[in-house]
PDB file of N, CA and C in Angstrom:
ATOM      1  N   MET A   1     -20.054  93.898 167.234  1.00  0.00           N
ATOM      2  CA  MET A   1     -20.431  92.513 167.252  1.00  0.00           C
ATOM      3  C   MET A   1     -19.354  91.299 167.249  1.00  0.00           C
ATOM      4  N   ILE A   2     -17.950  91.833 166.590  1.00  0.00           N
ATOM      5  CA  ILE A   2     -17.061  90.447 166.268  1.00  0.00           C
ATOM      6  C   ILE A   2     -16.833  90.491 167.884  1.00  0.00           C
ATOM      7  N   LEU A   3     -16.833  91.355 168.700  1.00  0.00           N
ATOM      8  CA  LEU A   3     -16.320  91.681 169.837  1.00  0.00           C
ATOM      9  C   LEU A   3     -17.020  90.699 170.374  1.00  0.00           C
ATOM     10  N   THR A   4     -18.064  90.839 170.335  1.00  0.00           N
ATOM     11  CA  THR A   4     -19.404  89.751 171.506  1.00  0.00           C
ATOM     12  C   THR A   4     -19.440  88.690 171.270  1.00  0.00           C
ATOM     13  N   ILE A   5     -19.261  87.979 169.864  1.00  0.00           N
ATOM     14  CA  ILE A   5     -18.905  86.586 169.211  1.00  0.00           C
ATOM     15  C   ILE A   5     -17.757  86.082 169.675  1.00  0.00           C
ATOM     16  N   ILE A   6     -16.468  87.055 169.670  1.00  0.00           N
ATOM     17  CA  ILE A   6     -15.412  86.343 170.565  1.00  0.00           C
ATOM     18  C   ILE A   6     -15.995  86.218 171.788  1.00  0.00           C
ATOM     19  N   GLY A   7     -16.739  86.773 172.536  1.00  0.00           N
ATOM     20  CA  GLY A   7     -16.593  86.778 174.067  1.00  0.00           C
ATOM     21  C   GLY A   7     -17.607  85.841 174.009  1.00  0.00           C
ATOM     22  N   PHE A   8     -18.421  85.373 173.157  1.00  0.00           N
ATOM     23  CA  PHE A   8     -18.883  84.383 173.478  1.00  0.00           C
ATOM     24  C   PHE A   8     -18.471  82.687 173.641  1.00  0.00           C
ATOM     25  N   ILE A   9     -17.236  82.832 172.275  1.00  0.00           N
ATOM     26  CA  ILE A   9     -16.642  81.778 172.556  1.00  0.00           C
ATOM     27  C   ILE A   9     -15.505  81.200 173.319  1.00  0.00           C
ATOM     28  N   LEU A  10     -14.935  82.545 174.354  1.00  0.00           N
ATOM     29  CA  LEU A  10     -14.317  82.557 175.270  1.00  0.00           C
ATOM     30  C   LEU A  10     -14.902  82.946 176.703  1.00  0.00           C
ATOM     31  N   ALA A  11     -16.073  83.363 177.157  1.00  0.00           N
ATOM     32  CA  ALA A  11     -16.843  83.277 178.100  1.00  0.00           C
ATOM     33  C   ALA A  11     -16.200  82.332 178.744  1.00  0.00           C
ATOM     34  N   ASP A  12     -16.633  80.888 178.856  1.00  0.00           N
ATOM     35  CA  ASP A  12     -16.849  80.422 179.936  1.00  0.00           C
ATOM     36  C   ASP A  12     -15.133  80.133 180.177  1.00  0.00           C
ATOM     37  N   SER A  13     -14.679  79.284 179.159  1.00  0.00           N
ATOM     38  CA  SER A  13     -13.274  78.453 178.973  1.00  0.00           C
ATOM     39  C   SER A  13     -12.329  79.832 179.486  1.00  0.00           C
ATOM     40  N   VAL A  14     -12.213  80.473 178.707  1.00  0.00           N
ATOM     41  CA  VAL A  14     -11.405  81.212 179.199  1.00  0.00           C
ATOM     42  C   VAL A  14     -11.092  82.324 180.256  1.00  0.00           C
ATOM     43  N   PHE A  15     -12.553  82.971 180.119  1.00  0.00           N
ATOM     44  CA  PHE A  15     -13.168  84.222 180.995  1.00  0.00           C
ATOM     45  C   PHE A  15     -13.932  83.470 182.275  1.00  0.00           C
ATOM     46  N   GLY A  16     -14.526  82.565 182.001  1.00  0.00           N
ATOM     47  CA  GLY A  16     -14.929  81.927 183.592  1.00  0.00           C
ATOM     48  C   GLY A  16     -16.186  82.844 183.972  1.00  0.00           C
ATOM     49  N   ILE A  17     -16.957  83.812 182.812  1.00  0.00           N
ATOM     50  CA  ILE A  17     -18.197  84.329 183.045  1.00  0.00           C
ATOM     51  C   ILE A  17     -19.098  83.400 182.335  1.00  0.00           C
ATOM     52  N   PRO A  18     -20.856  83.651 182.727  1.00  0.00           N
ATOM     53  CA  PRO A  18     -21.274  83.279 182.093  1.00  0.00           C
ATOM     54  C   PRO A  18     -21.604  83.827 180.476  1.00  0.00           C
ATOM     55  N   ILE A  19     -22.553  83.389 179.269  1.00  0.00           N
ATOM     56  CA  ILE A  19     -22.399  83.846 178.240  1.00  0.00           C
ATOM     57  C   ILE A  19     -23.401  85.352 178.593  1.00  0.00           C
ATOM     58  N   GLY A  20     -24.440  85.186 179.458  1.00  0.00           N
ATOM     59  CA  GLY A  20     -25.379  86.074 179.678  1.00  0.00           C
ATOM     60  C   GLY A  20     -25.094  87.512 180.038  1.00  0.00           C
ATOM     61  N   VAL A  21     -23.896  87.673 180.603  1.00  0.00           N
ATOM     62  CA  VAL A  21     -22.754  89.069 180.718  1.00  0.00           C
ATOM     63  C   VAL A  21     -22.452  88.890 179.936  1.00  0.00           C
ATOM     64  N   VAL A  22     -21.726  88.324 179.067  1.00  0.00           N
ATOM     65  CA  VAL A  22     -21.387  88.596 177.891  1.00  0.00           C
ATOM     66  C   VAL A  22     -22.605  88.954 177.087  1.00  0.00           C
ATOM     67  N   ALA A  23     -23.825  88.665 176.754  1.00  0.00           N
ATOM     68  CA  ALA A  23     -24.452  89.399 176.155  1.00  0.00           C
ATOM     69  C   ALA A  23     -24.924  90.928 176.283  1.00  0.00           C
ATOM     70  N   ILE A  24     -24.717  90.719 177.573  1.00  0.00           N
ATOM     71  CA  ILE A  24     -25.594  92.281 178.091  1.00  0.00           C
ATOM     72  C   ILE A  24     -24.322  93.374 178.285  1.00  0.00           C
ATOM     73  N   ILE A  25     -22.887  92.621 178.332  1.00  0.00           N
ATOM     74  CA  ILE A  25     -21.624  93.466 178.079  1.00  0.00           C
ATOM     75  C   ILE A  25     -21.923  94.086 176.642  1.00  0.00           C
ATOM     76  N   GLY A  26     -21.822  92.848 176.004  1.00  0.00           N
ATOM     77  CA  GLY A  26     -21.972  93.615 174.309  1.00  0.00           C
ATOM     78  C   GLY A  26     -23.371  94.497 173.974  1.00  0.00           C
ATOM     79  N   GLY A  27     -24.262  94.329 174.704  1.00  0.00           N
ATOM     80  CA  GLY A  27     -25.478  95.455 174.184  1.00  0.00           C
ATOM     81  C   GLY A  27     -24.928  96.440 174.639  1.00  0.00           C
ATOM     82  N   ILE A  28     -24.777  97.236 175.999  1.00  0.00           N
ATOM     83  CA  ILE A  28     -24.236  98.184 176.466  1.00  0.00           C
ATOM     84  C   ILE A  28     -23.174  98.809 175.567  1.00  0.00           C
ATOM     85  N   LEU A  29     -22.139  98.268 175.064  1.00  0.00           N
ATOM     86  CA  LEU A  29     -21.410  98.284 174.325  1.00  0.00           C
ATOM     87  C   LEU A  29     -21.563  98.682 172.774  1.00  0.00           C
ATOM     88  N   ALA A  30     -23.064  98.361 172.444  1.00  0.00           N
ATOM     89  CA  ALA A  30     -23.216  98.746 171.179  1.00  0.00           C
ATOM     90  C   ALA A  30     -24.285 100.178 171.350  1.00  0.00           C
ATOM     91  N   ILE A  31     -24.873  99.663 172.119  1.00  0.00           N
ATOM     92  CA  ILE A  31     -25.277 101.133 173.102  1.00  0.00           C
ATOM     93  C   ILE A  31     -25.024 102.673 172.801  1.00  0.00           C
ATOM     94  N   VAL A  32     -23.739 102.621 173.631  1.00  0.00           N
ATOM     95  CA  VAL A  32     -22.529 103.148 174.141  1.00  0.00           C
ATOM     96  C   VAL A  32     -21.648 103.691 172.381  1.00  0.00           C
ATOM     97  N   LEU A  33     -20.955 103.163 172.284  1.00  0.00           N
ATOM     98  CA  LEU A  33     -20.406 103.108 170.634  1.00  0.00           C
ATOM     99  C   LEU A  33     -21.414 103.502 169.575  1.00  0.00           C
ATOM    100  N   THR A  34     -22.275 103.630 169.770  1.00  0.00           N
ATOM    101  CA  THR A  34     -23.392 103.892 168.282  1.00  0.00           C
ATOM    102  C   THR A  34     -24.129 105.492 168.734  1.00  0.00           C
ATOM    103  N   GLN A  35     -23.665 105.423 170.015  1.00  0.00           N
ATOM    104  CA  GLN A  35     -24.385 106.893 170.747  1.00  0.00           C
ATOM    105  C   GLN A  35     -25.524 107.272 170.883  1.00  0.00           C
ATOM    106  N   SER A  36     -26.285 106.049 170.694  1.00  0.00           N
ATOM    107  CA  SER A  36     -27.952 106.173 170.739  1.00  0.00           C
ATOM    108  C   SER A  36     -28.925 106.439 171.766  1.00  0.00           C
ATOM    109  N   ASP A  37     -29.496 106.937 171.258  1.00  0.00           N
ATOM    110  CA  ASP A  37     -30.954 107.545 172.699  1.00  0.00           C
ATOM    111  C   ASP A  37     -31.312 106.277 173.404  1.00  0.00           C
ATOM    112  N   GLU A  38     -30.923 106.328 174.338  1.00  0.00           N
ATOM    113  CA  GLU A  38     -31.228 105.273 175.193  1.00  0.00           C
ATOM    114  C   GLU A  38     -32.864 105.352 175.636  1.00  0.00           C
ATOM    115  N   HIS A  39     -33.469 106.218 175.677  1.00  0.00           N
ATOM    116  CA  HIS A  39     -34.574 106.589 176.188  1.00  0.00           C
ATOM    117  C   HIS A  39     -35.398 105.766 174.883  1.00  0.00           C
ATOM    118  N   ARG A  40     -35.172 106.397 173.817  1.00  0.00           N
ATOM    119  CA  ARG A  40     -36.169 106.370 172.242  1.00  0.00           C
ATOM    120  C   ARG A  40     -35.598 104.681 172.415  1.00  0.00           C
ATOM    121  N   LEU A  41     -34.912 104.078 172.456  1.00  0.00           N
ATOM    122  CA  LEU A  41     -34.671 102.928 172.561  1.00  0.00           C
ATOM    123  C   LEU A  41     -35.639 101.884 173.175  1.00  0.00           C
ATOM    124  N   LEU A  42     -35.597 102.383 174.799  1.00  0.00           N
ATOM    125  CA  LEU A  42     -36.582 101.895 175.570  1.00  0.00           C
ATOM    126  C   LEU A  42     -38.265 101.850 175.972  1.00  0.00           C
ATOM    127  N   ARG A  43     -38.249 102.757 174.376  1.00  0.00           N
ATOM    128  CA  ARG A  43     -39.677 103.024 174.571  1.00  0.00           C
ATOM    129  C   ARG A  43     -40.431 102.135 173.019  1.00  0.00           C
ATOM    130  N   GLU A  44     -39.211 101.863 171.967  1.00  0.00           N
ATOM    131  CA  GLU A  44     -39.261 101.224 171.012  1.00  0.00           C
ATOM    132  C   GLU A  44     -39.084  99.821 171.204  1.00  0.00           C
ATOM    133  N   LEU A  45     -39.122  99.306 172.086  1.00  0.00           N
ATOM    134  CA  LEU A  45     -38.354  98.048 172.306  1.00  0.00           C
ATOM    135  C   LEU A  45     -40.051  96.770 172.650  1.00  0.00           C
ATOM    136  N   ASN A  46     -39.373  96.037 171.591  1.00  0.00           N
ATOM    137  CA  ASN A  46     -40.157  95.312 171.778  1.00  0.00           C
ATOM    138  C   ASN A  46     -40.218  94.644 173.257  1.00  0.00           C
ATOM    139  N   TRP A  47     -41.389  94.730 174.214  1.00  0.00           N
ATOM    140  CA  TRP A  47     -41.171  94.499 175.564  1.00  0.00           C
ATOM    141  C   TRP A  47     -41.881  92.668 175.532  1.00  0.00           C
ATOM    142  N   ASP A  48     -43.042  92.791 174.754  1.00  0.00           N
ATOM    143  CA  ASP A  48     -43.532  91.271 174.536  1.00  0.00           C
ATOM    144  C   ASP A  48     -42.690  90.656 174.057  1.00  0.00           C
ATOM    145  N   THR A  49     -42.013  90.433 173.543  1.00  0.00           N
ATOM    146  CA  THR A  49     -40.949  89.400 172.968  1.00  0.00           C
ATOM    147  C   THR A  49     -39.802  89.490 173.972  1.00  0.00           C
ATOM    148  N   LEU A  50     -39.405  90.495 174.541  1.00  0.00           N
ATOM    149  CA  LEU A  50     -38.392  90.307 175.809  1.00  0.00           C
ATOM    150  C   LEU A  50     -38.683  89.294 176.612  1.00  0.00           C
ATOM    151  N   LEU A  51     -39.828  90.037 176.957  1.00  0.00           N
ATOM    152  CA  LEU A  51     -40.395  88.897 178.088  1.00  0.00           C
ATOM    153  C   LEU A  51     -40.481  87.472 178.334  1.00  0.00           C
ATOM    154  N   PHE A  52     -40.690  86.856 176.703  1.00  0.00           N
ATOM    155  CA  PHE A  52     -41.315  85.717 176.283  1.00  0.00           C
ATOM    156  C   PHE A  52     -39.593  84.973 176.504  1.00  0.00           C
ATOM    157  N   PHE A  53     -38.809  85.538 175.960  1.00  0.00           N
ATOM    158  CA  PHE A  53     -37.744  84.991 175.830  1.00  0.00           C
ATOM    159  C   PHE A  53     -37.103  84.664 177.070  1.00  0.00           C
ATOM    160  N   ALA A  54     -37.189  85.719 177.911  1.00  0.00           N
ATOM    161  CA  ALA A  54     -36.930  85.479 179.185  1.00  0.00           C
ATOM    162  C   ALA A  54     -37.419  84.510 180.063  1.00  0.00           C
ATOM    163  N   GLY A  55     -38.102  84.630 179.893  1.00  0.00           N
ATOM    164  CA  GLY A  55     -39.674  84.088 180.678  1.00  0.00           C
ATOM    165  C   GLY A  55     -38.650  81.995 180.296  1.00  0.00           C
ATOM    166  N   LEU A  56     -39.041  81.879 178.917  1.00  0.00           N
ATOM    167  CA  LEU A  56     -38.639  80.554 178.345  1.00  0.00           C
ATOM    168  C   LEU A  56     -37.225  80.799 178.351  1.00  0.00           C
ATOM    169  N   PHE A  57     -36.228  81.087 178.694  1.00  0.00           N
ATOM    170  CA  PHE A  57     -34.701  81.187 179.272  1.00  0.00           C
ATOM    171  C   PHE A  57     -34.797  80.573 180.957  1.00  0.00           C
ATOM    172  N   ILE A  58     -35.766  81.253 181.601  1.00  0.00           N
ATOM    173  CA  ILE A  58     -35.773  80.807 182.922  1.00  0.00           C
ATOM    174  C   ILE A  58     -36.490  79.749 183.189  1.00  0.00           C
ATOM    175  N   LEU A  59     -37.199  79.175 182.517  1.00  0.00           N
ATOM    176  CA  LEU A  59     -38.054  77.518 181.955  1.00  0.00           C
ATOM    177  C   LEU A  59     -36.761  76.962 181.776  1.00  0.00           C
ATOM    178  N   VAL A  60     -36.574  76.851 181.026  1.00  0.00           N
ATOM    179  CA  VAL A  60     -35.266  76.417 180.179  1.00  0.00           C
ATOM    180  C   VAL A  60     -33.819  75.340 181.381  1.00  0.00           C
ATOM    181  N   GLY A  61     -33.985  77.092 182.060  1.00  0.00           N
ATOM    182  CA  GLY A  61     -32.763  77.042 183.002  1.00  0.00           C
ATOM    183  C   GLY A  61     -33.130  76.328 184.709  1.00  0.00           C
ATOM    184  N   THR A  62     -34.328  76.403 184.991  1.00  0.00           N
ATOM    185  CA  THR A  62     -34.808  75.740 186.142  1.00  0.00           C
ATOM    186  C   THR A  62     -35.486  74.227 185.802  1.00  0.00           C
ATOM    187  N   LEU A  63     -35.915  73.874 184.305  1.00  0.00           N
ATOM    188  CA  LEU A  63     -36.196  72.208 184.080  1.00  0.00           C
ATOM    189  C   LEU A  63     -34.741  71.541 183.775  1.00  0.00           C
ATOM    190  N   GLU A  64     -33.283  72.039 183.662  1.00  0.00           N
ATOM    191  CA  GLU A  64     -32.195  71.689 183.175  1.00  0.00           C
ATOM    192  C   GLU A  64     -31.926  71.653 184.436  1.00  0.00           C
ATOM    193  N   ALA A  65     -31.373  72.734 185.636  1.00  0.00           N
ATOM    194  CA  ALA A  65     -31.186  72.083 186.594  1.00  0.00           C
ATOM    195  C   ALA A  65     -31.643  71.120 187.982  1.00  0.00           C
ATOM    196  N   THR A  66     -33.136  70.837 187.529  1.00  0.00           N
ATOM    197  CA  THR A  66     -33.903  70.129 188.638  1.00  0.00           C
ATOM    198  C   THR A  66     -33.667  68.912 187.876  1.00  0.00           C
ATOM    199  N   GLY A  67     -33.241  68.292 186.475  1.00  0.00           N
ATOM    200  CA  GLY A  67     -32.961  67.088 185.772  1.00  0.00           C
ATOM    201  C   GLY A  67     -34.238  66.882 185.176  1.00  0.00           C
ATOM    202  N   ILE A  68     -35.165  67.119 184.891  1.00  0.00           N
ATOM    203  CA  ILE A  68     -36.166  67.060 184.236  1.00  0.00           C
ATOM    204  C   ILE A  68     -35.540  66.500 182.559  1.00  0.00           C
ATOM    205  N   LEU A  69     -34.749  67.939 182.212  1.00  0.00           N
ATOM    206  CA  LEU A  69     -34.670  67.762 181.116  1.00  0.00           C
ATOM    207  C   LEU A  69     -33.528  66.477 180.597  1.00  0.00           C
ATOM    208  N   ASP A  70     -33.071  65.943 181.657  1.00  0.00           N
ATOM    209  CA  ASP A  70     -32.333  64.785 181.221  1.00  0.00           C
ATOM    210  C   ASP A  70     -33.425  63.550 181.468  1.00  0.00           C
ATOM    211  N   ASP A  71     -34.360  63.315 182.096  1.00  0.00           N
ATOM    212  CA  ASP A  71     -35.822  62.292 182.104  1.00  0.00           C
ATOM    213  C   ASP A  71     -35.835  62.540 180.910  1.00  0.00           C
ATOM    214  N   ILE A  72     -36.314  63.532 180.361  1.00  0.00           N
ATOM    215  CA  ILE A  72     -37.398  63.679 178.984  1.00  0.00           C
ATOM    216  C   ILE A  72     -36.116  62.756 178.021  1.00  0.00           C
ATOM    217  N   ALA A  73     -34.890  63.234 178.463  1.00  0.00           N
ATOM    218  CA  ALA A  73     -34.261  62.202 177.318  1.00  0.00           C
ATOM    219  C   ALA A  73     -34.231  61.262 177.644  1.00  0.00           C
ATOM    220  N   HIS A  74     -33.467  60.693 178.419  1.00  0.00           N
ATOM    221  CA  HIS A  74     -33.493  59.626 179.100  1.00  0.00           C
ATOM    222  C   HIS A  74     -35.044  58.457 178.419  1.00  0.00           C
ATOM    223  N   SER A  75     -36.037  58.891 178.796  1.00  0.00           N
ATOM    224  CA  SER A  75     -37.021  58.757 178.479  1.00  0.00           C
ATOM    225  C   SER A  75     -37.083  58.285 176.727  1.00  0.00           C
ATOM    226  N   LEU A  76     -37.078  59.525 176.150  1.00  0.00           N
ATOM    227  CA  LEU A  76     -37.075  59.617 174.663  1.00  0.00           C
ATOM    228  C   LEU A  76     -36.014  58.282 174.084  1.00  0.00           C
ATOM    229  N   THR A  77     -35.047  58.649 174.650  1.00  0.00           N
ATOM    230  CA  THR A  77     -34.157  57.594 174.217  1.00  0.00           C
ATOM    231  C   THR A  77     -34.483  55.573 174.597  1.00  0.00           C
ATOM    232  N   ALA A  78     -35.092  55.424 175.693  1.00  0.00           N
ATOM    233  CA  ALA A  78     -36.261  54.213 175.703  1.00  0.00           C
ATOM    234  C   ALA A  78     -36.772  54.160 175.142  1.00  0.00           C
ATOM    235  N   ILE A  79     -37.718  54.327 174.590  1.00  0.00           N
ATOM    236  CA  ILE A  79     -38.979  54.898 173.108  1.00  0.00           C
ATOM    237  C   ILE A  79     -38.436  54.631 172.394  1.00  0.00           C
ATOM    238  N   SER A  80     -37.247  54.980 171.739  1.00  0.00           N
ATOM    239  CA  SER A  80     -36.826  55.352 170.279  1.00  0.00           C
ATOM    240  C   SER A  80     -35.683  53.703 170.379  1.00  0.00           C
ATOM    241  N   GLY A  81     -35.628  53.466 170.963  1.00  0.00           N
ATOM    242  CA  GLY A  81     -34.619  52.472 171.326  1.00  0.00           C
ATOM    243  C   GLY A  81     -33.294  52.482 171.056  1.00  0.00           C
ATOM    244  N   GLY A  82     -32.999  53.939 171.296  1.00  0.00           N
ATOM    245  CA  GLY A  82     -31.716  54.306 170.872  1.00  0.00           C
ATOM    246  C   GLY A  82     -31.204  54.729 169.540  1.00  0.00           C
ATOM    247  N   ASP A  83     -32.238  54.672 168.914  1.00  0.00           N
ATOM    248  CA  ASP A  83     -32.257  54.903 167.166  1.00  0.00           C
ATOM    249  C   ASP A  83     -32.853  55.673 166.884  1.00  0.00           C
ATOM    250  N   ILE A  84     -31.641  56.891 166.405  1.00  0.00           N
ATOM    251  CA  ILE A  84     -31.627  58.417 166.386  1.00  0.00           C
ATOM    252  C   ILE A  84     -32.517  58.991 165.145  1.00  0.00           C
ATOM    253  N   ILE A  85     -32.794  57.953 163.898  1.00  0.00           N
ATOM    254  CA  ILE A  85     -34.163  58.258 162.968  1.00  0.00           C
ATOM    255  C   ILE A  85     -35.503  58.363 163.800  1.00  0.00           C
ATOM    256  N   ILE A  86     -35.516  57.010 164.110  1.00  0.00           N
ATOM    257  CA  ILE A  86     -37.062  56.843 165.069  1.00  0.00           C
ATOM    258  C   ILE A  86     -37.589  58.535 165.805  1.00  0.00           C
ATOM    259  N   ALA A  87     -36.587  58.366 166.388  1.00  0.00           N
ATOM    260  CA  ALA A  87     -36.354  59.681 167.987  1.00  0.00           C
ATOM    261  C   ALA A  87     -36.750  60.846 166.757  1.00  0.00           C
ATOM    262  N   GLY A  88     -36.268  61.202 165.756  1.00  0.00           N
ATOM    263  CA  GLY A  88     -36.323  62.373 164.745  1.00  0.00           C
ATOM    264  C   GLY A  88     -37.377  62.451 164.650  1.00  0.00           C
ATOM    265  N   ASP A  89     -38.418  61.741 163.833  1.00  0.00           N
ATOM    266  CA  ASP A  89     -39.692  61.996 163.843  1.00  0.00           C
ATOM    267  C   ASP A  89     -40.212  61.781 164.714  1.00  0.00           C
TER     268      ASP A  89
END
């Protein structure tokens, strides 16, 4: 777990790899080092939650890549007049 957290911190700046790769490597290491039964893990995995978050990350990544999130941020800044208190309400 500590190696995975350190990997998250150093992933982009030192290693130049995406954080998702570090998460996958950390998960694989956890399964291997604990000698878990991978077939049982796959059966008991909450697939609904996993697919929900996968879809959410894909959606947010797409919105970011197309610049829509920047447009929303600029619109909210304009509506609030740059006042962080109003924007937070």
